Amino acid sequence: MSHVGAYVALMKLRVVELLLVTTLPALFMATYAQNHAHRFPPLGVTIATLIGGTLAAGASNAFNMVIEVESDRLMKRTNKRPLVSGEVTEQQAIAFSLVITILSLLIFLIFTTVLATLLTLLAILFYVVGYTIWLKRRTSQNIVWGGIAGCMPVIIGWAAITNSLSMTAWLFFFLIFFWTPPHFWALAIKYKDDYAAAGIPMLPVVASIKSVQKQMWFHSIFMTAASFLVLVSAHMPWWSYVITGLLALGFGWQLLKISGPESERAALKLFHWSITYLSVYSLVLVLATLVAKQSA
């Protein structure tokens, strides 16, 4: 890996992609809510929000790697990360994280709104301090509350357009809040031995598969409810409800298989389906918003 590539790896951009996927519909819906005559969010604000959001999430991930370098050494999934391999020193990683944090906040402040900037700072602090330092090793519900950081991009995107937050923005926030635990626990089922070796009490490490599945159902039901409430709040067309219903049925079908004889394989399928769910749902929101604008 090149030296530049090592720094990019610190940002975990594959994780960041999904955050950007949810930011985009928030930008579209906020634009429509603010002015029904506008078909697309302002290009400058959109680019600034996506770049600033990428840097903010990347900074959070890089700080996370600095804090968890010893844990990463113990896990097969993470023992090739740049800090573990020595491609980047801890001092270099800290400096890099600070620089892109500041750059992210400046981009938001200059090109978007004060509220979006403050929410971005809060998201970074919550992920680094709230989740990584405080929650992750203290409770098996770490990802439930720590996942709040992953919910922030949707309200940041909304605030970047309007400098305010609406009911639709908060409903979208709660959709991600309830989506996150089933999504992450599905991956944690496959890698529970890794987490156990590192002493991290992820739910699949400390609870039976039946208990994990039960809690995943709880969050999935509320995720589905929030998905429909976003559509209601944003006055989306009827076909968006149909697609959302099909996505939810697919999610539930995958979740049913979790406690079967091949739970790890089923969990990995659910993990991938959860990504499909959020990606397709986000696309539906963008398309439905454009259709609403066209008929307004």
C-alpha atoms as a PDB file:
ATOM      1  CA  MET A   1       0.000   0.000   0.000  1.00  0.00           C
ATOM      2  CA  SER A   2       1.347   3.468  -0.894  1.00  0.00           C
ATOM      3  CA  HIS A   3       1.799   6.104   1.815  1.00  0.00           C
ATOM      4  CA  VAL A   4      -1.149   8.072   0.404  1.00  0.00           C
ATOM      5  CA  GLY A   5      -3.173   4.882   0.237  1.00  0.00           C
ATOM      6  CA  ALA A   6      -2.449   4.220   3.912  1.00  0.00           C
ATOM      7  CA  TYR A   7      -3.889   7.603   4.880  1.00  0.00           C
ATOM      8  CA  VAL A   8      -6.943   6.995   2.715  1.00  0.00           C
ATOM      9  CA  ALA A   9      -7.372   3.602   4.409  1.00  0.00           C
ATOM     10  CA  LEU A  10      -7.548   5.378   7.771  1.00  0.00           C
ATOM     11  CA  MET A  11     -10.768   7.044   6.600  1.00  0.00           C
ATOM     12  CA  LYS A  12     -12.548   3.721   5.848  1.00  0.00           C
ATOM     13  CA  LEU A  13     -14.225   5.178   2.773  1.00  0.00           C
ATOM     14  CA  ARG A  14     -16.286   2.031   2.110  1.00  0.00           C
ATOM     15  CA  VAL A  15     -18.139   2.753   5.342  1.00  0.00           C
ATOM     16  CA  VAL A  16     -18.444   6.436   4.448  1.00  0.00           C
ATOM     17  CA  GLU A  17     -20.165   5.627   1.145  1.00  0.00           C
ATOM     18  CA  LEU A  18     -23.354   4.569   2.903  1.00  0.00           C
ATOM     19  CA  LEU A  19     -23.424   7.788   4.921  1.00  0.00           C
ATOM     20  CA  LEU A  20     -23.303   9.768   1.680  1.00  0.00           C
ATOM     21  CA  VAL A  21     -26.092   7.634   0.217  1.00  0.00           C
ATOM     22  CA  THR A  22     -28.409   8.798   3.002  1.00  0.00           C
ATOM     23  CA  THR A  23     -27.221  12.406   2.849  1.00  0.00           C
ATOM     24  CA  LEU A  24     -28.304  12.861  -0.758  1.00  0.00           C
ATOM     25  CA  PRO A  25     -32.054  12.276  -0.293  1.00  0.00           C
ATOM     26  CA  ALA A  26     -31.987  14.574   2.732  1.00  0.00           C
ATOM     27  CA  LEU A  27     -30.586  17.326   0.489  1.00  0.00           C
ATOM     28  CA  PHE A  28     -33.309  16.726  -2.127  1.00  0.00           C
ATOM     29  CA  MET A  29     -36.178  16.566   0.363  1.00  0.00           C
ATOM     30  CA  ALA A  30     -34.985  19.641   2.256  1.00  0.00           C
ATOM     31  CA  THR A  31     -34.760  21.605  -0.985  1.00  0.00           C
ATOM     32  CA  TYR A  32     -38.299  20.629  -1.944  1.00  0.00           C
ATOM     33  CA  ALA A  33     -39.605  21.384   1.555  1.00  0.00           C
ATOM     34  CA  GLN A  34     -38.005  24.816   1.422  1.00  0.00           C
ATOM     35  CA  ASN A  35     -39.159  25.734  -2.087  1.00  0.00           C
ATOM     36  CA  HIS A  36     -41.399  23.504  -4.218  1.00  0.00           C
ATOM     37  CA  ALA A  37     -40.208  25.247  -7.378  1.00  0.00           C
ATOM     38  CA  HIS A  38     -36.615  23.940  -7.080  1.00  0.00           C
ATOM     39  CA  ARG A  39     -35.967  20.577  -8.720  1.00  0.00           C
ATOM     40  CA  PHE A  40     -32.458  19.989  -7.399  1.00  0.00           C
ATOM     41  CA  PRO A  41     -30.493  21.102  -4.335  1.00  0.00           C
ATOM     42  CA  PRO A  42     -27.934  23.846  -5.056  1.00  0.00           C
ATOM     43  CA  LEU A  43     -24.889  22.254  -6.664  1.00  0.00           C
ATOM     44  CA  GLY A  44     -22.376  24.131  -4.505  1.00  0.00           C
ATOM     45  CA  VAL A  45     -24.078  23.172  -1.253  1.00  0.00           C
ATOM     46  CA  THR A  46     -24.450  19.567  -2.423  1.00  0.00           C
ATOM     47  CA  ILE A  47     -20.768  19.220  -3.326  1.00  0.00           C
ATOM     48  CA  ALA A  48     -19.666  20.938  -0.106  1.00  0.00           C
ATOM     49  CA  THR A  49     -21.920  18.724   2.015  1.00  0.00           C
ATOM     50  CA  LEU A  50     -20.732  15.518   0.381  1.00  0.00           C
ATOM     51  CA  ILE A  51     -17.044  16.464   0.548  1.00  0.00           C
ATOM     52  CA  GLY A  52     -17.338  17.885   4.054  1.00  0.00           C
ATOM     53  CA  GLY A  53     -19.282  14.832   5.174  1.00  0.00           C
ATOM     54  CA  THR A  54     -16.688  12.487   3.685  1.00  0.00           C
ATOM     55  CA  LEU A  55     -13.889  14.281   5.523  1.00  0.00           C
ATOM     56  CA  ALA A  56     -15.823  14.382   8.807  1.00  0.00           C
ATOM     57  CA  ALA A  57     -16.672  10.681   8.696  1.00  0.00           C
ATOM     58  CA  GLY A  58     -13.129   9.879   7.573  1.00  0.00           C
ATOM     59  CA  ALA A  59     -11.708  11.862  10.479  1.00  0.00           C
ATOM     60  CA  SER A  60     -13.959  10.003  12.916  1.00  0.00           C
ATOM     61  CA  ASN A  61     -12.812   6.672  11.519  1.00  0.00           C
ATOM     62  CA  ALA A  62      -9.164   7.691  11.674  1.00  0.00           C
ATOM     63  CA  PHE A  63      -9.480   8.780  15.307  1.00  0.00           C
ATOM     64  CA  ASN A  64     -11.212   5.452  15.950  1.00  0.00           C
ATOM     65  CA  MET A  65      -8.237   3.552  14.529  1.00  0.00           C
ATOM     66  CA  VAL A  66      -5.812   5.490  16.733  1.00  0.00           C
ATOM     67  CA  ILE A  67      -7.827   4.708  19.854  1.00  0.00           C
ATOM     68  CA  GLU A  68      -8.372   1.049  18.958  1.00  0.00           C
ATOM     69  CA  VAL A  69      -4.969   0.144  17.522  1.00  0.00           C
ATOM     70  CA  GLU A  70      -4.332  -2.484  20.207  1.00  0.00           C
ATOM     71  CA  SER A  71      -7.755  -4.063  19.681  1.00  0.00           C
ATOM     72  CA  ASP A  72      -7.165  -4.075  15.930  1.00  0.00           C
ATOM     73  CA  ARG A  73      -3.996  -6.116  16.453  1.00  0.00           C
ATOM     74  CA  LEU A  74      -6.089  -8.888  18.031  1.00  0.00           C
ATOM     75  CA  MET A  75      -8.757  -9.134  15.331  1.00  0.00           C
ATOM     76  CA  LYS A  76      -8.216 -10.949  12.017  1.00  0.00           C
ATOM     77  CA  ARG A  77     -10.587  -8.524  10.303  1.00  0.00           C
ATOM     78  CA  THR A  78      -8.538  -5.470  11.322  1.00  0.00           C
ATOM     79  CA  ASN A  79      -4.953  -6.613  11.851  1.00  0.00           C
ATOM     80  CA  LYS A  80      -3.810  -5.276   8.487  1.00  0.00           C
ATOM     81  CA  ARG A  81      -4.944  -1.695   9.092  1.00  0.00           C
ATOM     82  CA  PRO A  82      -2.281   1.010   8.526  1.00  0.00           C
ATOM     83  CA  LEU A  83      -1.558   1.701  12.195  1.00  0.00           C
ATOM     84  CA  VAL A  84      -1.208  -1.991  13.012  1.00  0.00           C
ATOM     85  CA  SER A  85       1.101  -2.626  10.052  1.00  0.00           C
ATOM     86  CA  GLY A  86       3.189   0.443  10.881  1.00  0.00           C
ATOM     87  CA  GLU A  87       2.567   2.183   7.547  1.00  0.00           C
ATOM     88  CA  VAL A  88       1.355   5.217   9.506  1.00  0.00           C
ATOM     89  CA  THR A  89       2.454   6.194  13.010  1.00  0.00           C
ATOM     90  CA  GLU A  90      -0.036   7.195  15.703  1.00  0.00           C
ATOM     91  CA  GLN A  91       1.302  10.763  15.657  1.00  0.00           C
ATOM     92  CA  GLN A  92       0.822  10.967  11.887  1.00  0.00           C
ATOM     93  CA  ALA A  93      -2.678   9.528  12.144  1.00  0.00           C
ATOM     94  CA  ILE A  94      -3.665  12.019  14.861  1.00  0.00           C
ATOM     95  CA  ALA A  95      -2.306  14.932  12.835  1.00  0.00           C
ATOM     96  CA  PHE A  96      -4.110  13.708   9.723  1.00  0.00           C
ATOM     97  CA  SER A  97      -7.373  13.303  11.661  1.00  0.00           C
ATOM     98  CA  LEU A  98      -7.150  16.810  13.096  1.00  0.00           C
ATOM     99  CA  VAL A  99      -6.381  18.386   9.715  1.00  0.00           C
ATOM    100  CA  ILE A 100      -9.319  16.779   7.905  1.00  0.00           C
ATOM    101  CA  THR A 101     -11.612  17.524  10.864  1.00  0.00           C
ATOM    102  CA  ILE A 102     -10.785  21.221  10.642  1.00  0.00           C
ATOM    103  CA  LEU A 103     -11.051  21.169   6.847  1.00  0.00           C
ATOM    104  CA  SER A 104     -14.465  19.504   7.060  1.00  0.00           C
ATOM    105  CA  LEU A 105     -15.809  22.054   9.524  1.00  0.00           C
ATOM    106  CA  LEU A 106     -14.475  24.952   7.438  1.00  0.00           C
ATOM    107  CA  ILE A 107     -16.159  23.585   4.320  1.00  0.00           C
ATOM    108  CA  PHE A 108     -19.482  23.310   6.120  1.00  0.00           C
ATOM    109  CA  LEU A 109     -19.151  26.742   7.712  1.00  0.00           C
ATOM    110  CA  ILE A 110     -18.162  28.547   4.500  1.00  0.00           C
ATOM    111  CA  PHE A 111     -20.427  26.795   1.998  1.00  0.00           C
ATOM    112  CA  THR A 112     -23.438  25.600   4.006  1.00  0.00           C
ATOM    113  CA  THR A 113     -24.886  26.717   7.348  1.00  0.00           C
ATOM    114  CA  VAL A 114     -23.890  27.212  10.964  1.00  0.00           C
ATOM    115  CA  LEU A 115     -26.300  24.498  12.116  1.00  0.00           C
ATOM    116  CA  ALA A 116     -24.858  21.942   9.690  1.00  0.00           C
ATOM    117  CA  THR A 117     -21.367  22.814  10.935  1.00  0.00           C
ATOM    118  CA  LEU A 118     -22.316  22.370  14.595  1.00  0.00           C
ATOM    119  CA  LEU A 119     -24.079  19.085  13.875  1.00  0.00           C
ATOM    120  CA  THR A 120     -20.984  17.836  12.038  1.00  0.00           C
ATOM    121  CA  LEU A 121     -18.774  18.681  15.003  1.00  0.00           C
ATOM    122  CA  LEU A 122     -21.238  16.924  17.314  1.00  0.00           C
ATOM    123  CA  ALA A 123     -21.225  13.818  15.104  1.00  0.00           C
ATOM    124  CA  ILE A 124     -17.413  13.592  15.196  1.00  0.00           C
ATOM    125  CA  LEU A 125     -17.262  14.087  18.965  1.00  0.00           C
ATOM    126  CA  PHE A 126     -20.046  11.593  19.609  1.00  0.00           C
ATOM    127  CA  TYR A 127     -18.454   8.873  17.479  1.00  0.00           C
ATOM    128  CA  VAL A 128     -14.965   9.344  18.878  1.00  0.00           C
ATOM    129  CA  VAL A 129     -15.738  10.071  22.530  1.00  0.00           C
ATOM    130  CA  GLY A 130     -19.259   8.752  23.045  1.00  0.00           C
ATOM    131  CA  TYR A 131     -18.997   5.525  21.074  1.00  0.00           C
ATOM    132  CA  THR A 132     -15.329   4.581  20.694  1.00  0.00           C
ATOM    133  CA  ILE A 133     -14.024   5.684  24.081  1.00  0.00           C
ATOM    134  CA  TRP A 134     -17.041   5.417  26.365  1.00  0.00           C
ATOM    135  CA  LEU A 135     -19.670   2.973  25.061  1.00  0.00           C
ATOM    136  CA  LYS A 136     -17.941   0.343  22.956  1.00  0.00           C
ATOM    137  CA  ARG A 137     -16.277  -1.591  25.771  1.00  0.00           C
ATOM    138  CA  ARG A 138     -18.880  -0.902  28.442  1.00  0.00           C
ATOM    139  CA  THR A 139     -22.155  -2.267  27.089  1.00  0.00           C
ATOM    140  CA  SER A 140     -23.491  -4.803  24.614  1.00  0.00           C
ATOM    141  CA  GLN A 141     -25.891  -2.055  23.489  1.00  0.00           C
ATOM    142  CA  ASN A 142     -22.910   0.013  22.325  1.00  0.00           C
ATOM    143  CA  ILE A 143     -23.969   0.131  18.689  1.00  0.00           C
ATOM    144  CA  VAL A 144     -27.550   1.110  19.573  1.00  0.00           C
ATOM    145  CA  TRP A 145     -26.466   4.404  21.108  1.00  0.00           C
ATOM    146  CA  GLY A 146     -23.152   4.747  19.322  1.00  0.00           C
ATOM    147  CA  GLY A 147     -25.033   4.413  16.047  1.00  0.00           C
ATOM    148  CA  ILE A 148     -26.446   7.894  16.610  1.00  0.00           C
ATOM    149  CA  ALA A 149     -23.295   9.210  14.939  1.00  0.00           C
ATOM    150  CA  GLY A 150     -24.276   7.333  11.789  1.00  0.00           C
ATOM    151  CA  CYS A 151     -27.724   8.950  11.888  1.00  0.00           C
ATOM    152  CA  MET A 152     -26.286  12.457  11.813  1.00  0.00           C
ATOM    153  CA  PRO A 153     -25.607  12.794   8.044  1.00  0.00           C
ATOM    154  CA  VAL A 154     -29.335  12.948   7.249  1.00  0.00           C
ATOM    155  CA  ILE A 155     -29.976  15.871   9.575  1.00  0.00           C
ATOM    156  CA  ILE A 156     -26.676  17.494   8.579  1.00  0.00           C
ATOM    157  CA  GLY A 157     -27.788  17.345   4.949  1.00  0.00           C
ATOM    158  CA  TRP A 158     -31.158  18.823   5.830  1.00  0.00           C
ATOM    159  CA  ALA A 159     -29.560  21.590   7.910  1.00  0.00           C
ATOM    160  CA  ALA A 160     -27.087  22.364   5.105  1.00  0.00           C
ATOM    161  CA  ILE A 161     -30.044  23.429   2.950  1.00  0.00           C
ATOM    162  CA  THR A 162     -32.439  24.984   5.460  1.00  0.00           C
ATOM    163  CA  ASN A 163     -30.341  25.821   8.558  1.00  0.00           C
ATOM    164  CA  SER A 164     -33.176  24.142  10.490  1.00  0.00           C
ATOM    165  CA  LEU A 165     -34.634  20.692  11.155  1.00  0.00           C
ATOM    166  CA  SER A 166     -38.124  19.432  10.384  1.00  0.00           C
ATOM    167  CA  MET A 167     -40.235  16.466  11.411  1.00  0.00           C
ATOM    168  CA  THR A 168     -39.276  14.674   8.176  1.00  0.00           C
ATOM    169  CA  ALA A 169     -35.582  15.121   8.965  1.00  0.00           C
ATOM    170  CA  TRP A 170     -36.023  13.664  12.463  1.00  0.00           C
ATOM    171  CA  LEU A 171     -38.071  10.724  11.168  1.00  0.00           C
ATOM    172  CA  PHE A 172     -35.291   9.966   8.676  1.00  0.00           C
ATOM    173  CA  PHE A 173     -32.824  10.206  11.598  1.00  0.00           C
ATOM    174  CA  PHE A 174     -34.817   7.611  13.565  1.00  0.00           C
ATOM    175  CA  LEU A 175     -35.055   5.337  10.528  1.00  0.00           C
ATOM    176  CA  ILE A 176     -31.237   5.143  10.492  1.00  0.00           C
ATOM    177  CA  PHE A 177     -31.194   4.811  14.294  1.00  0.00           C
ATOM    178  CA  PHE A 178     -33.314   1.654  14.166  1.00  0.00           C
ATOM    179  CA  TRP A 179     -31.641   0.341  10.996  1.00  0.00           C
ATOM    180  CA  THR A 180     -28.137   0.449  12.482  1.00  0.00           C
ATOM    181  CA  PRO A 181     -28.313  -2.314  15.151  1.00  0.00           C
ATOM    182  CA  PRO A 182     -29.651  -5.092  12.860  1.00  0.00           C
ATOM    183  CA  HIS A 183     -27.171  -4.014  10.186  1.00  0.00           C
ATOM    184  CA  PHE A 184     -24.173  -4.075  12.509  1.00  0.00           C
ATOM    185  CA  TRP A 185     -25.205  -7.074  14.621  1.00  0.00           C
ATOM    186  CA  ALA A 186     -25.556  -9.107  11.418  1.00  0.00           C
ATOM    187  CA  LEU A 187     -21.868  -8.454  10.710  1.00  0.00           C
ATOM    188  CA  ALA A 188     -20.947  -8.990  14.369  1.00  0.00           C
ATOM    189  CA  ILE A 189     -22.497 -12.479  14.285  1.00  0.00           C
ATOM    190  CA  LYS A 190     -19.977 -13.487  11.633  1.00  0.00           C
ATOM    191  CA  TYR A 191     -17.060 -11.854  13.446  1.00  0.00           C
ATOM    192  CA  LYS A 192     -18.081 -12.549  17.040  1.00  0.00           C
ATOM    193  CA  ASP A 193     -14.881 -14.538  17.691  1.00  0.00           C
ATOM    194  CA  ASP A 194     -12.850 -11.516  16.632  1.00  0.00           C
ATOM    195  CA  TYR A 195     -14.750  -9.244  19.014  1.00  0.00           C
ATOM    196  CA  ALA A 196     -14.437 -11.787  21.812  1.00  0.00           C
ATOM    197  CA  ALA A 197     -10.658 -11.985  21.274  1.00  0.00           C
ATOM    198  CA  ALA A 198     -10.441  -8.192  21.522  1.00  0.00           C
ATOM    199  CA  GLY A 199     -12.635  -8.085  24.639  1.00  0.00           C
ATOM    200  CA  ILE A 200     -15.375  -6.036  22.969  1.00  0.00           C
ATOM    201  CA  PRO A 201     -18.855  -7.011  24.264  1.00  0.00           C
ATOM    202  CA  MET A 202     -20.797  -6.811  21.027  1.00  0.00           C
ATOM    203  CA  LEU A 203     -24.253  -8.312  21.519  1.00  0.00           C
ATOM    204  CA  PRO A 204     -23.574 -11.552  19.546  1.00  0.00           C
ATOM    205  CA  VAL A 205     -20.549 -12.157  21.803  1.00  0.00           C
ATOM    206  CA  VAL A 206     -22.482 -12.001  25.089  1.00  0.00           C
ATOM    207  CA  ALA A 207     -25.995 -13.162  24.064  1.00  0.00           C
ATOM    208  CA  SER A 208     -27.498 -16.224  22.408  1.00  0.00           C
ATOM    209  CA  ILE A 209     -28.365 -16.086  18.728  1.00  0.00           C
ATOM    210  CA  LYS A 210     -32.065 -16.253  19.654  1.00  0.00           C
ATOM    211  CA  SER A 211     -31.700 -13.209  21.893  1.00  0.00           C
ATOM    212  CA  VAL A 212     -29.807 -11.329  19.183  1.00  0.00           C
ATOM    213  CA  GLN A 213     -32.477 -12.184  16.631  1.00  0.00           C
ATOM    214  CA  LYS A 214     -35.233 -11.007  18.990  1.00  0.00           C
ATOM    215  CA  GLN A 215     -33.540  -7.641  19.474  1.00  0.00           C
ATOM    216  CA  MET A 216     -32.960  -7.350  15.739  1.00  0.00           C
ATOM    217  CA  TRP A 217     -36.685  -7.862  15.168  1.00  0.00           C
ATOM    218  CA  PHE A 218     -37.486  -5.095  17.655  1.00  0.00           C
ATOM    219  CA  HIS A 219     -35.300  -2.593  15.811  1.00  0.00           C
ATOM    220  CA  SER A 220     -36.382  -3.792  12.365  1.00  0.00           C
ATOM    221  CA  ILE A 221     -40.076  -3.261  13.131  1.00  0.00           C
ATOM    222  CA  PHE A 222     -39.427   0.315  14.240  1.00  0.00           C
ATOM    223  CA  MET A 223     -37.133   0.835  11.232  1.00  0.00           C
ATOM    224  CA  THR A 224     -39.987  -0.181   8.937  1.00  0.00           C
ATOM    225  CA  ALA A 225     -42.453   2.073  10.741  1.00  0.00           C
ATOM    226  CA  ALA A 226     -40.043   5.021  10.479  1.00  0.00           C
ATOM    227  CA  SER A 227     -39.522   4.278   6.780  1.00  0.00           C
ATOM    228  CA  PHE A 228     -43.243   4.675   6.100  1.00  0.00           C
ATOM    229  CA  LEU A 229     -43.559   7.713   8.372  1.00  0.00           C
ATOM    230  CA  VAL A 230     -40.863   9.511   6.367  1.00  0.00           C
ATOM    231  CA  LEU A 231     -42.938   8.907   3.237  1.00  0.00           C
ATOM    232  CA  VAL A 232     -46.071  10.210   4.943  1.00  0.00           C
ATOM    233  CA  SER A 233     -44.321  13.282   6.339  1.00  0.00           C
ATOM    234  CA  ALA A 234     -42.721  14.123   2.977  1.00  0.00           C
ATOM    235  CA  HIS A 235     -45.967  13.486   1.005  1.00  0.00           C
ATOM    236  CA  MET A 236     -44.377  10.870  -1.232  1.00  0.00           C
ATOM    237  CA  PRO A 237     -46.302   9.105  -4.064  1.00  0.00           C
ATOM    238  CA  TRP A 238     -48.052   5.763  -3.618  1.00  0.00           C
ATOM    239  CA  TRP A 239     -45.437   3.703  -5.467  1.00  0.00           C
ATOM    240  CA  SER A 240     -42.781   4.643  -2.914  1.00  0.00           C
ATOM    241  CA  TYR A 241     -44.880   2.847  -0.262  1.00  0.00           C
ATOM    242  CA  VAL A 242     -45.019  -0.285  -2.417  1.00  0.00           C
ATOM    243  CA  ILE A 243     -41.248  -0.400  -2.907  1.00  0.00           C
ATOM    244  CA  THR A 244     -40.637   0.278   0.784  1.00  0.00           C
ATOM    245  CA  GLY A 245     -43.005  -2.549   1.698  1.00  0.00           C
ATOM    246  CA  LEU A 246     -41.143  -4.960  -0.592  1.00  0.00           C
ATOM    247  CA  LEU A 247     -37.810  -3.909   0.898  1.00  0.00           C
ATOM    248  CA  ALA A 248     -39.170  -4.487   4.400  1.00  0.00           C
ATOM    249  CA  LEU A 249     -40.487  -7.934   3.460  1.00  0.00           C
ATOM    250  CA  GLY A 250     -37.073  -8.856   2.073  1.00  0.00           C
ATOM    251  CA  PHE A 251     -35.427  -7.634   5.264  1.00  0.00           C
ATOM    252  CA  GLY A 252     -37.797  -9.687   7.411  1.00  0.00           C
ATOM    253  CA  TRP A 253     -37.291 -12.795   5.266  1.00  0.00           C
ATOM    254  CA  GLN A 254     -33.524 -12.604   5.722  1.00  0.00           C
ATOM    255  CA  LEU A 255     -33.930 -11.979   9.438  1.00  0.00           C
ATOM    256  CA  LEU A 256     -36.060 -15.116   9.836  1.00  0.00           C
ATOM    257  CA  LYS A 257     -33.091 -17.248   8.794  1.00  0.00           C
ATOM    258  CA  ILE A 258     -30.693 -15.880  11.427  1.00  0.00           C
ATOM    259  CA  SER A 259     -31.376 -18.543  14.060  1.00  0.00           C
ATOM    260  CA  GLY A 260     -31.148 -21.418  11.583  1.00  0.00           C
ATOM    261  CA  PRO A 261     -28.368 -24.000  11.202  1.00  0.00           C
ATOM    262  CA  GLU A 262     -26.277 -21.634   9.075  1.00  0.00           C
ATOM    263  CA  SER A 263     -26.698 -18.505  11.157  1.00  0.00           C
ATOM    264  CA  GLU A 264     -23.376 -16.926  10.141  1.00  0.00           C
ATOM    265  CA  ARG A 265     -24.103 -17.262   6.448  1.00  0.00           C
ATOM    266  CA  ALA A 266     -27.652 -15.979   6.959  1.00  0.00           C
ATOM    267  CA  ALA A 267     -26.323 -13.050   9.013  1.00  0.00           C
ATOM    268  CA  LEU A 268     -23.941 -12.065   6.221  1.00  0.00           C
ATOM    269  CA  LYS A 269     -26.836 -12.123   3.741  1.00  0.00           C
ATOM    270  CA  LEU A 270     -28.861  -9.915   6.074  1.00  0.00           C
ATOM    271  CA  PHE A 271     -25.903  -7.532   6.363  1.00  0.00           C
ATOM    272  CA  HIS A 272     -25.780  -7.150   2.588  1.00  0.00           C
ATOM    273  CA  TRP A 273     -29.573  -6.875   2.355  1.00  0.00           C
ATOM    274  CA  SER A 274     -29.557  -4.092   4.951  1.00  0.00           C
ATOM    275  CA  ILE A 275     -27.218  -2.126   2.683  1.00  0.00           C
ATOM    276  CA  THR A 276     -29.545  -2.796  -0.241  1.00  0.00           C
ATOM    277  CA  TYR A 277     -32.512  -1.670   1.858  1.00  0.00           C
ATOM    278  CA  LEU A 278     -31.006   1.683   2.736  1.00  0.00           C
ATOM    279  CA  SER A 279     -29.513   2.295  -0.707  1.00  0.00           C
ATOM    280  CA  VAL A 280     -32.711   1.526  -2.628  1.00  0.00           C
ATOM    281  CA  TYR A 281     -34.860   3.395  -0.096  1.00  0.00           C
ATOM    282  CA  SER A 282     -32.622   6.463  -0.462  1.00  0.00           C
ATOM    283  CA  LEU A 283     -32.893   6.266  -4.240  1.00  0.00           C
ATOM    284  CA  VAL A 284     -36.681   6.012  -3.932  1.00  0.00           C
ATOM    285  CA  LEU A 285     -36.720   9.176  -1.815  1.00  0.00           C
ATOM    286  CA  VAL A 286     -34.719  11.096  -4.421  1.00  0.00           C
ATOM    287  CA  LEU A 287     -36.876   9.888  -7.332  1.00  0.00           C
ATOM    288  CA  ALA A 288     -40.116  10.438  -5.429  1.00  0.00           C
ATOM    289  CA  THR A 289     -39.048  13.976  -4.533  1.00  0.00           C
ATOM    290  CA  LEU A 290     -38.262  14.730  -8.181  1.00  0.00           C
ATOM    291  CA  VAL A 291     -41.662  13.361  -9.217  1.00  0.00           C
ATOM    292  CA  ALA A 292     -43.349  15.484  -6.540  1.00  0.00           C
ATOM    293  CA  LYS A 293     -41.546  18.570  -7.832  1.00  0.00           C
ATOM    294  CA  GLN A 294     -42.573  17.829 -11.397  1.00  0.00           C
ATOM    295  CA  SER A 295     -46.238  17.563 -10.446  1.00  0.00           C
ATOM    296  CA  ALA A 296     -46.190  20.518  -8.020  1.00  0.00           C
END
